[in-house]
Amino acid sequence: MKVNNVSLAAVGVKMSQYPTDKKPEIAFAGKSNVGKSTLINAMIGRKALARTSSQPGKTRTINFYDVENILYFVDLPGYGYAKAPKTEIERWGVMIEEYLNKRDTLMGIVMLVDIRHEPGENDKMMYNWLKHYNYDIIVVATKLDKIKRSQIQKQLSVVRKGLNMSAEDRLVSFSGETKTGVDELWEILENIIGYEGKEE
């Protein structure tokens, strides 16, 4: 998809604050600091529409980005950030669960993991939970530029094994520096939402 027009359409913490125009939604989920904002910005060709932060746990709302008036990218708060107060962590959990459970326009979930490490307990829990609810999941292994080319296949195997992914489960590797993975991910997402593309 050629992306020229993107805007922050809504910021909310409960269903009544989310868009009501029924456009398809793709949600982005992952641990704090795994590179969600970097991936979203790369997908929409912007430097800083989705705010990146060196401080984990900064996104505390669910942010809806209107992409070309065709779909929403939905940025979910990062999970697994231990330094946040327990009550806040629980509140995020409830907010994310309500969104994932009740949002009928949600068509797919991009779940990010760091390619350098074996998926953690939070990642496994999230992946199993999404699987249980039969979501269309694409796992994106981020920070590809932080490892040597010779390590890529080995690390992708570590991710697959860690999440207990089957052979047909989709795994895309992504580099914020070279934008590797962006075209592949767009192709998958266009498929999910049934986007045919406009005639040039």
N, C-alpha and C. Protein backbone atom coordinates (compact mmCIF):
# COMPACT_ATOMS: atom_id res chain seq x y z
N MET A 1 0.84 -1.19 0.00
CA MET A 1 0.00 0.00 0.00
C MET A 1 0.88 1.24 0.00
N LYS A 2 0.54 2.19 -0.88
CA LYS A 2 1.27 3.46 -0.89
C LYS A 2 0.67 4.35 0.19
N VAL A 3 1.48 4.76 1.14
CA VAL A 3 0.95 5.54 2.25
C VAL A 3 1.38 7.00 2.13
N ASN A 4 0.40 7.88 1.93
CA ASN A 4 0.67 9.32 1.91
C ASN A 4 -0.02 10.04 3.06
N ASN A 5 -1.19 9.53 3.44
CA ASN A 5 -1.98 10.23 4.46
C ASN A 5 -2.19 9.36 5.69
N VAL A 6 -1.67 9.84 6.80
CA VAL A 6 -1.85 9.15 8.08
C VAL A 6 -2.12 10.20 9.14
N SER A 7 -3.04 9.88 10.04
CA SER A 7 -3.28 10.81 11.15
C SER A 7 -3.62 10.02 12.40
N LEU A 8 -3.35 10.65 13.54
CA LEU A 8 -3.75 10.06 14.81
C LEU A 8 -5.24 10.34 14.96
N ALA A 9 -6.06 9.29 14.86
CA ALA A 9 -7.51 9.48 14.80
C ALA A 9 -8.18 9.44 16.16
N ALA A 10 -7.62 8.66 17.08
CA ALA A 10 -8.24 8.55 18.41
C ALA A 10 -7.22 8.03 19.41
N VAL A 11 -7.39 8.47 20.65
CA VAL A 11 -6.58 8.00 21.77
C VAL A 11 -7.57 7.66 22.87
N GLY A 12 -7.51 6.45 23.38
CA GLY A 12 -8.52 6.11 24.37
C GLY A 12 -8.08 5.04 25.34
N VAL A 13 -8.91 4.84 26.36
CA VAL A 13 -8.65 3.78 27.33
C VAL A 13 -9.89 2.90 27.51
N LYS A 14 -11.00 3.26 26.82
CA LYS A 14 -12.19 2.42 26.90
C LYS A 14 -12.96 2.47 25.59
N MET A 15 -13.85 1.47 25.39
CA MET A 15 -14.51 1.27 24.11
C MET A 15 -15.22 2.52 23.58
N SER A 16 -15.82 3.29 24.47
CA SER A 16 -16.60 4.47 24.03
C SER A 16 -15.72 5.54 23.39
N GLN A 17 -14.40 5.43 23.57
CA GLN A 17 -13.49 6.46 23.02
C GLN A 17 -12.86 6.03 21.69
N TYR A 18 -13.14 4.82 21.25
CA TYR A 18 -12.51 4.30 20.04
C TYR A 18 -13.33 4.66 18.80
N PRO A 19 -12.71 4.66 17.61
CA PRO A 19 -13.44 5.02 16.38
C PRO A 19 -14.67 4.12 16.16
N THR A 20 -15.67 4.70 15.53
CA THR A 20 -16.93 3.95 15.31
C THR A 20 -17.24 3.78 13.82
N ASP A 21 -16.27 4.09 12.95
CA ASP A 21 -16.58 4.05 11.51
C ASP A 21 -16.34 2.69 10.85
N LYS A 22 -16.02 1.68 11.67
CA LYS A 22 -15.97 0.29 11.20
C LYS A 22 -14.86 -0.02 10.19
N LYS A 23 -13.84 0.84 10.11
CA LYS A 23 -12.70 0.48 9.25
C LYS A 23 -11.96 -0.70 9.88
N PRO A 24 -11.37 -1.57 9.06
CA PRO A 24 -10.62 -2.69 9.63
C PRO A 24 -9.44 -2.20 10.46
N GLU A 25 -9.10 -2.96 11.49
CA GLU A 25 -8.02 -2.57 12.39
C GLU A 25 -6.97 -3.67 12.48
N ILE A 26 -5.72 -3.23 12.50
CA ILE A 26 -4.59 -4.13 12.75
C ILE A 26 -3.93 -3.62 14.02
N ALA A 27 -3.86 -4.47 15.04
CA ALA A 27 -3.27 -4.05 16.31
C ALA A 27 -1.81 -4.48 16.40
N PHE A 28 -1.02 -3.66 17.08
CA PHE A 28 0.40 -3.95 17.28
C PHE A 28 0.63 -4.16 18.77
N ALA A 29 1.13 -5.35 19.11
CA ALA A 29 1.34 -5.70 20.51
C ALA A 29 2.78 -6.16 20.72
N GLY A 30 3.30 -5.89 21.89
CA GLY A 30 4.66 -6.35 22.19
C GLY A 30 5.12 -5.81 23.52
N LYS A 31 6.22 -6.36 23.99
CA LYS A 31 6.80 -5.89 25.25
C LYS A 31 7.23 -4.45 25.12
N SER A 32 7.30 -3.75 26.24
CA SER A 32 7.81 -2.39 26.24
C SER A 32 9.21 -2.38 25.61
N ASN A 33 9.45 -1.38 24.78
CA ASN A 33 10.78 -1.17 24.17
C ASN A 33 11.19 -2.21 23.13
N VAL A 34 10.22 -2.96 22.57
CA VAL A 34 10.57 -3.97 21.57
C VAL A 34 10.65 -3.34 20.17
N GLY A 35 10.16 -2.09 20.04
CA GLY A 35 10.27 -1.39 18.76
C GLY A 35 8.95 -1.22 18.03
N LYS A 36 7.84 -1.15 18.80
CA LYS A 36 6.52 -1.00 18.17
C LYS A 36 6.40 0.30 17.39
N SER A 37 6.77 1.40 18.04
CA SER A 37 6.66 2.71 17.37
C SER A 37 7.55 2.76 16.14
N THR A 38 8.73 2.18 16.25
CA THR A 38 9.67 2.16 15.12
C THR A 38 9.06 1.40 13.94
N LEU A 39 8.43 0.27 14.23
CA LEU A 39 7.80 -0.52 13.16
C LEU A 39 6.63 0.24 12.54
N ILE A 40 5.77 0.82 13.37
CA ILE A 40 4.61 1.55 12.85
C ILE A 40 5.09 2.71 11.97
N ASN A 41 6.07 3.46 12.44
CA ASN A 41 6.60 4.58 11.65
C ASN A 41 7.18 4.10 10.32
N ALA A 42 7.86 2.96 10.34
CA ALA A 42 8.44 2.41 9.10
C ALA A 42 7.33 1.99 8.13
N MET A 43 6.26 1.42 8.67
CA MET A 43 5.14 0.95 7.83
C MET A 43 4.42 2.11 7.15
N ILE A 44 4.36 3.26 7.84
CA ILE A 44 3.62 4.40 7.28
C ILE A 44 4.54 5.45 6.67
N GLY A 45 5.85 5.14 6.65
CA GLY A 45 6.79 6.05 6.01
C GLY A 45 6.94 7.39 6.72
N ARG A 46 6.83 7.36 8.05
CA ARG A 46 7.00 8.59 8.82
C ARG A 46 8.16 8.41 9.77
N LYS A 47 8.72 9.55 10.18
CA LYS A 47 9.82 9.44 11.15
C LYS A 47 9.29 9.37 12.58
N ALA A 48 8.22 10.11 12.86
CA ALA A 48 7.84 10.20 14.26
C ALA A 48 6.35 10.41 14.51
N LEU A 49 5.51 9.77 13.71
CA LEU A 49 4.08 9.90 14.01
C LEU A 49 3.76 9.09 15.26
N ALA A 50 4.18 7.81 15.25
CA ALA A 50 4.09 7.03 16.48
C ALA A 50 5.32 7.39 17.29
N ARG A 51 5.11 7.84 18.51
CA ARG A 51 6.24 8.34 19.28
C ARG A 51 7.11 7.21 19.80
N THR A 52 8.41 7.32 19.51
CA THR A 52 9.35 6.34 20.04
C THR A 52 9.94 6.92 21.32
N SER A 53 10.27 6.06 22.24
CA SER A 53 10.81 6.56 23.49
C SER A 53 11.86 5.59 24.01
N SER A 54 12.90 6.14 24.64
CA SER A 54 13.90 5.26 25.24
C SER A 54 13.40 4.80 26.60
N GLN A 55 12.33 5.41 27.08
CA GLN A 55 11.75 5.01 28.35
C GLN A 55 10.65 3.99 28.12
N PRO A 56 10.85 2.76 28.55
CA PRO A 56 9.81 1.76 28.32
C PRO A 56 8.53 2.12 29.05
N GLY A 57 7.42 1.57 28.56
CA GLY A 57 6.15 1.76 29.25
C GLY A 57 5.55 3.13 29.07
N LYS A 58 5.94 3.83 28.00
CA LYS A 58 5.43 5.19 27.80
C LYS A 58 4.01 5.21 27.24
N THR A 59 3.68 4.25 26.38
CA THR A 59 2.33 4.23 25.79
C THR A 59 1.35 3.69 26.82
N ARG A 60 0.46 4.55 27.30
CA ARG A 60 -0.48 4.10 28.34
C ARG A 60 -1.91 4.16 27.86
N THR A 61 -2.06 4.49 26.59
CA THR A 61 -3.40 4.54 26.00
C THR A 61 -3.38 3.65 24.76
N ILE A 62 -4.54 3.40 24.19
CA ILE A 62 -4.61 2.71 22.91
C ILE A 62 -4.75 3.78 21.84
N ASN A 63 -3.78 3.82 20.92
CA ASN A 63 -3.73 4.89 19.91
C ASN A 63 -4.12 4.34 18.54
N PHE A 64 -5.05 5.04 17.89
CA PHE A 64 -5.54 4.62 16.57
C PHE A 64 -5.01 5.55 15.49
N TYR A 65 -4.25 5.00 14.55
CA TYR A 65 -3.72 5.78 13.44
C TYR A 65 -4.52 5.45 12.18
N ASP A 66 -5.13 6.46 11.60
CA ASP A 66 -5.90 6.27 10.37
C ASP A 66 -4.93 6.26 9.19
N VAL A 67 -4.85 5.12 8.49
CA VAL A 67 -3.92 4.97 7.37
C VAL A 67 -4.70 5.04 6.07
N GLU A 68 -4.52 6.13 5.33
CA GLU A 68 -5.13 6.30 4.00
C GLU A 68 -6.66 6.18 4.01
N ASN A 69 -7.27 6.41 5.16
CA ASN A 69 -8.73 6.27 5.28
C ASN A 69 -9.20 4.87 4.88
N ILE A 70 -8.29 3.89 5.00
CA ILE A 70 -8.58 2.52 4.61
C ILE A 70 -8.62 1.59 5.83
N LEU A 71 -7.67 1.81 6.74
CA LEU A 71 -7.62 0.97 7.93
C LEU A 71 -7.01 1.74 9.09
N TYR A 72 -7.11 1.17 10.28
CA TYR A 72 -6.44 1.74 11.45
C TYR A 72 -5.30 0.83 11.87
N PHE A 73 -4.16 1.45 12.18
CA PHE A 73 -3.11 0.78 12.93
C PHE A 73 -3.38 1.13 14.39
N VAL A 74 -3.44 0.11 15.22
CA VAL A 74 -3.78 0.33 16.62
C VAL A 74 -2.57 -0.03 17.48
N ASP A 75 -2.04 0.98 18.14
CA ASP A 75 -0.84 0.81 18.96
C ASP A 75 -1.28 0.51 20.40
N LEU A 76 -1.04 -0.73 20.83
CA LEU A 76 -1.43 -1.14 22.19
C LEU A 76 -0.28 -0.85 23.16
N PRO A 77 -0.60 -0.57 24.42
CA PRO A 77 0.47 -0.34 25.40
C PRO A 77 1.37 -1.56 25.51
N GLY A 78 2.67 -1.31 25.68
CA GLY A 78 3.62 -2.41 25.84
C GLY A 78 3.33 -3.18 27.12
N TYR A 79 3.50 -4.50 27.06
CA TYR A 79 3.27 -5.29 28.27
C TYR A 79 4.59 -5.69 28.91
N GLY A 80 4.50 -6.13 30.14
CA GLY A 80 5.69 -6.69 30.80
C GLY A 80 6.68 -5.67 31.30
N TYR A 81 6.23 -4.43 31.54
CA TYR A 81 7.17 -3.44 32.07
C TYR A 81 7.06 -3.42 33.59
N ALA A 82 8.07 -3.95 34.24
CA ALA A 82 7.99 -4.23 35.67
C ALA A 82 7.97 -2.97 36.56
N LYS A 83 8.52 -1.86 36.05
CA LYS A 83 8.66 -0.70 36.94
C LYS A 83 7.37 0.10 37.12
N ALA A 84 6.36 -0.21 36.33
CA ALA A 84 5.09 0.50 36.51
C ALA A 84 4.41 -0.02 37.78
N PRO A 85 3.62 0.84 38.43
CA PRO A 85 2.90 0.37 39.63
C PRO A 85 1.98 -0.79 39.28
N LYS A 86 1.83 -1.71 40.24
CA LYS A 86 1.03 -2.92 40.00
C LYS A 86 -0.39 -2.58 39.56
N THR A 87 -0.99 -1.58 40.18
CA THR A 87 -2.37 -1.21 39.82
C THR A 87 -2.45 -0.76 38.37
N GLU A 88 -1.40 -0.05 37.94
CA GLU A 88 -1.38 0.44 36.55
C GLU A 88 -1.22 -0.71 35.58
N ILE A 89 -0.35 -1.66 35.92
CA ILE A 89 -0.15 -2.84 35.07
C ILE A 89 -1.48 -3.59 34.92
N GLU A 90 -2.20 -3.73 36.02
CA GLU A 90 -3.50 -4.42 35.96
C GLU A 90 -4.49 -3.65 35.09
N ARG A 91 -4.46 -2.33 35.21
CA ARG A 91 -5.38 -1.50 34.43
C ARG A 91 -5.09 -1.64 32.94
N TRP A 92 -3.79 -1.64 32.57
CA TRP A 92 -3.42 -1.84 31.17
C TRP A 92 -3.93 -3.18 30.69
N GLY A 93 -3.74 -4.22 31.55
CA GLY A 93 -4.15 -5.57 31.18
C GLY A 93 -5.64 -5.62 30.87
N VAL A 94 -6.44 -5.00 31.72
CA VAL A 94 -7.89 -4.98 31.53
C VAL A 94 -8.24 -4.24 30.24
N MET A 95 -7.58 -3.10 30.02
CA MET A 95 -7.85 -2.27 28.84
C MET A 95 -7.53 -3.04 27.55
N ILE A 96 -6.36 -3.69 27.52
CA ILE A 96 -5.95 -4.45 26.33
C ILE A 96 -6.89 -5.63 26.11
N GLU A 97 -7.21 -6.33 27.21
CA GLU A 97 -8.07 -7.51 27.09
C GLU A 97 -9.47 -7.12 26.58
N GLU A 98 -9.98 -6.01 27.09
CA GLU A 98 -11.30 -5.57 26.63
C GLU A 98 -11.26 -5.24 25.14
N TYR A 99 -10.21 -4.54 24.74
CA TYR A 99 -10.08 -4.19 23.31
C TYR A 99 -10.01 -5.46 22.47
N LEU A 100 -9.14 -6.39 22.83
CA LEU A 100 -8.95 -7.60 22.03
C LEU A 100 -10.19 -8.49 22.03
N ASN A 101 -10.91 -8.47 23.12
CA ASN A 101 -12.09 -9.34 23.24
C ASN A 101 -13.32 -8.81 22.53
N LYS A 102 -13.48 -7.48 22.56
CA LYS A 102 -14.77 -6.92 22.15
C LYS A 102 -14.74 -6.16 20.83
N ARG A 103 -13.58 -6.00 20.24
CA ARG A 103 -13.48 -5.16 19.06
C ARG A 103 -13.76 -5.96 17.80
N ASP A 104 -14.94 -5.80 17.21
CA ASP A 104 -15.28 -6.66 16.06
C ASP A 104 -14.65 -6.19 14.75
N THR A 105 -14.02 -5.02 14.76
CA THR A 105 -13.33 -4.54 13.54
C THR A 105 -11.86 -4.96 13.53
N LEU A 106 -11.41 -5.62 14.59
CA LEU A 106 -10.01 -6.06 14.68
C LEU A 106 -9.81 -7.28 13.79
N MET A 107 -8.93 -7.13 12.78
CA MET A 107 -8.77 -8.21 11.80
C MET A 107 -7.45 -8.97 11.91
N GLY A 108 -6.47 -8.37 12.55
CA GLY A 108 -5.19 -9.06 12.67
C GLY A 108 -4.34 -8.42 13.74
N ILE A 109 -3.38 -9.19 14.24
CA ILE A 109 -2.51 -8.67 15.29
C ILE A 109 -1.06 -8.92 14.91
N VAL A 110 -0.29 -7.85 14.94
CA VAL A 110 1.15 -7.94 14.72
C VAL A 110 1.79 -7.99 16.11
N MET A 111 2.41 -9.12 16.43
CA MET A 111 3.04 -9.26 17.74
C MET A 111 4.55 -9.20 17.58
N LEU A 112 5.17 -8.27 18.29
CA LEU A 112 6.60 -8.04 18.14
C LEU A 112 7.40 -8.74 19.23
N VAL A 113 8.51 -9.35 18.81
CA VAL A 113 9.47 -9.91 19.76
C VAL A 113 10.86 -9.48 19.31
N ASP A 114 11.78 -9.45 20.24
CA ASP A 114 13.17 -9.07 19.95
C ASP A 114 13.91 -10.29 19.42
N ILE A 115 14.42 -10.19 18.18
CA ILE A 115 15.07 -11.33 17.54
C ILE A 115 16.31 -11.82 18.31
N ARG A 116 16.87 -10.95 19.16
CA ARG A 116 18.12 -11.30 19.85
C ARG A 116 17.90 -12.26 21.01
N HIS A 117 16.66 -12.34 21.50
CA HIS A 117 16.41 -13.11 22.72
C HIS A 117 15.31 -14.15 22.51
N GLU A 118 15.38 -15.18 23.32
CA GLU A 118 14.28 -16.14 23.34
C GLU A 118 13.04 -15.42 23.89
N PRO A 119 11.85 -15.68 23.31
CA PRO A 119 10.65 -15.02 23.83
C PRO A 119 10.47 -15.27 25.32
N GLY A 120 10.09 -14.21 26.05
CA GLY A 120 9.92 -14.32 27.50
C GLY A 120 8.55 -14.87 27.86
N GLU A 121 8.33 -15.03 29.16
CA GLU A 121 7.06 -15.58 29.64
C GLU A 121 5.87 -14.72 29.18
N ASN A 122 6.04 -13.40 29.24
CA ASN A 122 4.95 -12.50 28.82
C ASN A 122 4.61 -12.70 27.34
N ASP A 123 5.67 -12.88 26.53
CA ASP A 123 5.46 -13.11 25.09
C ASP A 123 4.69 -14.41 24.87
N LYS A 124 5.11 -15.45 25.59
CA LYS A 124 4.46 -16.75 25.42
C LYS A 124 2.99 -16.68 25.84
N MET A 125 2.75 -16.01 26.96
CA MET A 125 1.38 -15.86 27.44
C MET A 125 0.52 -15.13 26.42
N MET A 126 1.07 -14.03 25.90
CA MET A 126 0.33 -13.22 24.93
C MET A 126 0.04 -14.03 23.67
N TYR A 127 1.05 -14.72 23.17
CA TYR A 127 0.89 -15.49 21.93
C TYR A 127 -0.16 -16.58 22.12
N ASN A 128 -0.08 -17.30 23.24
CA ASN A 128 -1.04 -18.37 23.49
C ASN A 128 -2.45 -17.83 23.64
N TRP A 129 -2.55 -16.68 24.28
CA TRP A 129 -3.85 -16.04 24.48
C TRP A 129 -4.47 -15.66 23.14
N LEU A 130 -3.66 -15.05 22.28
CA LEU A 130 -4.14 -14.65 20.95
C LEU A 130 -4.53 -15.88 20.12
N LYS A 131 -3.73 -16.92 20.23
CA LYS A 131 -4.01 -18.18 19.53
C LYS A 131 -5.36 -18.74 20.00
N HIS A 132 -5.54 -18.71 21.31
CA HIS A 132 -6.75 -19.26 21.91
C HIS A 132 -8.00 -18.57 21.33
N TYR A 133 -7.87 -17.27 21.07
CA TYR A 133 -9.01 -16.52 20.53
C TYR A 133 -9.04 -16.50 19.00
N ASN A 134 -8.17 -17.31 18.41
CA ASN A 134 -8.16 -17.48 16.94
C ASN A 134 -7.88 -16.20 16.17
N TYR A 135 -7.04 -15.36 16.70
CA TYR A 135 -6.68 -14.15 15.95
C TYR A 135 -5.72 -14.49 14.82
N ASP A 136 -5.76 -13.66 13.79
CA ASP A 136 -4.79 -13.76 12.71
C ASP A 136 -3.52 -13.07 13.23
N ILE A 137 -2.50 -13.86 13.55
CA ILE A 137 -1.30 -13.29 14.19
C ILE A 137 -0.12 -13.32 13.23
N ILE A 138 0.61 -12.21 13.18
CA ILE A 138 1.89 -12.18 12.47
C ILE A 138 2.93 -11.81 13.51
N VAL A 139 3.89 -12.69 13.72
CA VAL A 139 4.97 -12.37 14.66
C VAL A 139 6.06 -11.64 13.89
N VAL A 140 6.48 -10.50 14.42
CA VAL A 140 7.57 -9.74 13.79
C VAL A 140 8.76 -9.74 14.75
N ALA A 141 9.87 -10.27 14.27
CA ALA A 141 11.11 -10.29 15.06
C ALA A 141 11.88 -9.01 14.75
N THR A 142 11.94 -8.11 15.72
CA THR A 142 12.53 -6.79 15.52
C THR A 142 14.03 -6.78 15.84
N LYS A 143 14.64 -5.62 15.57
CA LYS A 143 16.06 -5.36 15.88
C LYS A 143 17.00 -6.28 15.08
N LEU A 144 16.58 -6.55 13.86
CA LEU A 144 17.36 -7.40 12.95
C LEU A 144 18.76 -6.83 12.72
N ASP A 145 18.85 -5.48 12.73
CA ASP A 145 20.16 -4.86 12.46
C ASP A 145 21.14 -5.02 13.62
N LYS A 146 20.67 -5.57 14.75
CA LYS A 146 21.55 -5.73 15.91
C LYS A 146 22.26 -7.09 15.93
N ILE A 147 21.95 -7.95 14.95
CA ILE A 147 22.63 -9.25 14.93
C ILE A 147 23.33 -9.44 13.58
N LYS A 148 24.29 -10.36 13.55
CA LYS A 148 25.00 -10.64 12.29
C LYS A 148 24.09 -11.42 11.36
N ARG A 149 24.33 -11.25 10.08
CA ARG A 149 23.52 -11.94 9.08
C ARG A 149 23.57 -13.46 9.29
N SER A 150 24.72 -13.96 9.70
CA SER A 150 24.88 -15.41 9.89
C SER A 150 24.05 -15.94 11.05
N GLN A 151 23.58 -15.03 11.93
CA GLN A 151 22.80 -15.48 13.10
C GLN A 151 21.29 -15.47 12.86
N ILE A 152 20.87 -14.88 11.74
CA ILE A 152 19.43 -14.63 11.54
C ILE A 152 18.61 -15.92 11.62
N GLN A 153 18.96 -16.92 10.82
CA GLN A 153 18.15 -18.14 10.78
C GLN A 153 18.10 -18.82 12.14
N LYS A 154 19.24 -18.83 12.82
CA LYS A 154 19.30 -19.47 14.15
C LYS A 154 18.35 -18.74 15.10
N GLN A 155 18.37 -17.41 15.08
CA GLN A 155 17.53 -16.63 16.01
C GLN A 155 16.05 -16.75 15.67
N LEU A 156 15.74 -16.83 14.37
CA LEU A 156 14.35 -17.02 13.98
C LEU A 156 13.84 -18.38 14.47
N SER A 157 14.71 -19.38 14.45
CA SER A 157 14.35 -20.70 14.98
C SER A 157 14.10 -20.63 16.48
N VAL A 158 14.91 -19.84 17.16
CA VAL A 158 14.74 -19.67 18.62
C VAL A 158 13.37 -19.05 18.91
N VAL A 159 12.99 -18.06 18.10
CA VAL A 159 11.68 -17.42 18.28
C VAL A 159 10.56 -18.42 18.01
N ARG A 160 10.66 -19.14 16.91
CA ARG A 160 9.62 -20.13 16.55
C ARG A 160 9.46 -21.17 17.66
N LYS A 161 10.59 -21.66 18.12
CA LYS A 161 10.56 -22.70 19.14
C LYS A 161 10.01 -22.14 20.45
N GLY A 162 10.46 -20.95 20.81
CA GLY A 162 10.05 -20.32 22.07
C GLY A 162 8.55 -20.09 22.15
N LEU A 163 7.95 -19.74 21.01
CA LEU A 163 6.51 -19.47 20.99
C LEU A 163 5.71 -20.70 20.58
N ASN A 164 6.44 -21.79 20.31
CA ASN A 164 5.79 -23.03 19.87
C ASN A 164 4.96 -22.79 18.60
N MET A 165 5.57 -22.08 17.65
CA MET A 165 4.88 -21.76 16.40
C MET A 165 4.88 -22.96 15.47
N SER A 166 3.80 -23.11 14.72
CA SER A 166 3.77 -24.19 13.74
C SER A 166 4.40 -23.68 12.44
N ALA A 167 4.65 -24.58 11.50
CA ALA A 167 5.34 -24.22 10.26
C ALA A 167 4.58 -23.16 9.47
N GLU A 168 3.23 -23.17 9.55
CA GLU A 168 2.47 -22.19 8.76
C GLU A 168 2.26 -20.87 9.48
N ASP A 169 2.64 -20.79 10.77
CA ASP A 169 2.52 -19.51 11.48
C ASP A 169 3.51 -18.51 10.90
N ARG A 170 3.05 -17.26 10.75
CA ARG A 170 3.86 -16.28 10.01
C ARG A 170 4.85 -15.54 10.92
N LEU A 171 6.08 -15.49 10.42
CA LEU A 171 7.16 -14.82 11.15
C LEU A 171 7.93 -13.94 10.17
N VAL A 172 8.00 -12.66 10.47
CA VAL A 172 8.68 -11.70 9.60
C VAL A 172 9.80 -11.05 10.40
N SER A 173 10.99 -10.94 9.81
CA SER A 173 12.06 -10.23 10.52
C SER A 173 12.10 -8.78 10.04
N PHE A 174 12.38 -7.87 10.99
CA PHE A 174 12.29 -6.43 10.69
C PHE A 174 13.51 -5.67 11.21
N SER A 175 13.99 -4.76 10.37
CA SER A 175 15.06 -3.85 10.77
C SER A 175 14.57 -2.41 10.66
N GLY A 176 14.66 -1.68 11.76
CA GLY A 176 14.28 -0.27 11.74
C GLY A 176 15.22 0.56 10.89
N GLU A 177 16.46 0.10 10.74
CA GLU A 177 17.46 0.87 9.97
C GLU A 177 17.29 0.68 8.47
N THR A 178 17.17 -0.58 8.04
CA THR A 178 17.12 -0.84 6.59
C THR A 178 15.68 -1.00 6.08
N LYS A 179 14.72 -1.05 7.01
CA LYS A 179 13.29 -1.24 6.67
C LYS A 179 13.02 -2.64 6.08
N THR A 180 13.96 -3.56 6.28
CA THR A 180 13.73 -4.95 5.88
C THR A 180 12.47 -5.45 6.58
N GLY A 181 11.62 -6.12 5.83
CA GLY A 181 10.41 -6.70 6.42
C GLY A 181 9.15 -5.87 6.18
N VAL A 182 9.32 -4.58 5.85
CA VAL A 182 8.15 -3.71 5.69
C VAL A 182 7.25 -4.17 4.54
N ASP A 183 7.85 -4.43 3.37
CA ASP A 183 7.05 -4.83 2.20
C ASP A 183 6.35 -6.17 2.44
N GLU A 184 7.08 -7.09 3.05
CA GLU A 184 6.51 -8.42 3.33
C GLU A 184 5.32 -8.30 4.29
N LEU A 185 5.48 -7.47 5.31
CA LEU A 185 4.40 -7.30 6.28
C LEU A 185 3.20 -6.61 5.65
N TRP A 186 3.45 -5.60 4.81
CA TRP A 186 2.34 -4.93 4.13
C TRP A 186 1.55 -5.92 3.27
N GLU A 187 2.26 -6.79 2.59
CA GLU A 187 1.60 -7.78 1.72
C GLU A 187 0.65 -8.67 2.54
N ILE A 188 1.13 -9.10 3.71
CA ILE A 188 0.31 -9.96 4.58
C ILE A 188 -0.92 -9.18 5.08
N LEU A 189 -0.69 -7.93 5.50
CA LEU A 189 -1.79 -7.14 6.05
C LEU A 189 -2.84 -6.81 4.98
N GLU A 190 -2.39 -6.50 3.78
CA GLU A 190 -3.33 -6.21 2.68
C GLU A 190 -4.21 -7.43 2.41
N ASN A 191 -3.58 -8.59 2.49
CA ASN A 191 -4.31 -9.85 2.33
C ASN A 191 -5.38 -10.01 3.40
N ILE A 192 -4.99 -9.73 4.64
CA ILE A 192 -5.91 -9.91 5.77
C ILE A 192 -7.13 -9.01 5.65
N ILE A 193 -6.91 -7.75 5.26
CA ILE A 193 -8.05 -6.81 5.21
C ILE A 193 -8.75 -6.83 3.85
N GLY A 194 -8.20 -7.62 2.90
CA GLY A 194 -8.82 -7.73 1.59
C GLY A 194 -8.62 -6.49 0.73
N TYR A 195 -7.47 -5.84 0.90
CA TYR A 195 -7.17 -4.62 0.13
C TYR A 195 -6.67 -5.00 -1.26
N GLU A 196 -7.35 -4.50 -2.28
CA GLU A 196 -6.99 -4.85 -3.66
C GLU A 196 -5.97 -3.89 -4.26
N GLY A 197 -5.90 -2.71 -3.69
CA GLY A 197 -5.01 -1.70 -4.27
C GLY A 197 -5.72 -0.88 -5.30
N LYS A 198 -5.36 0.41 -5.37
CA LYS A 198 -6.01 1.28 -6.36
C LYS A 198 -5.27 1.19 -7.68
N GLU A 199 -6.00 1.36 -8.74
CA GLU A 199 -5.35 1.41 -10.06
C GLU A 199 -4.50 2.67 -10.11
N GLU A 200 -3.30 2.49 -10.65
CA GLU A 200 -2.42 3.68 -10.76
C GLU A 200 -2.95 4.60 -11.86
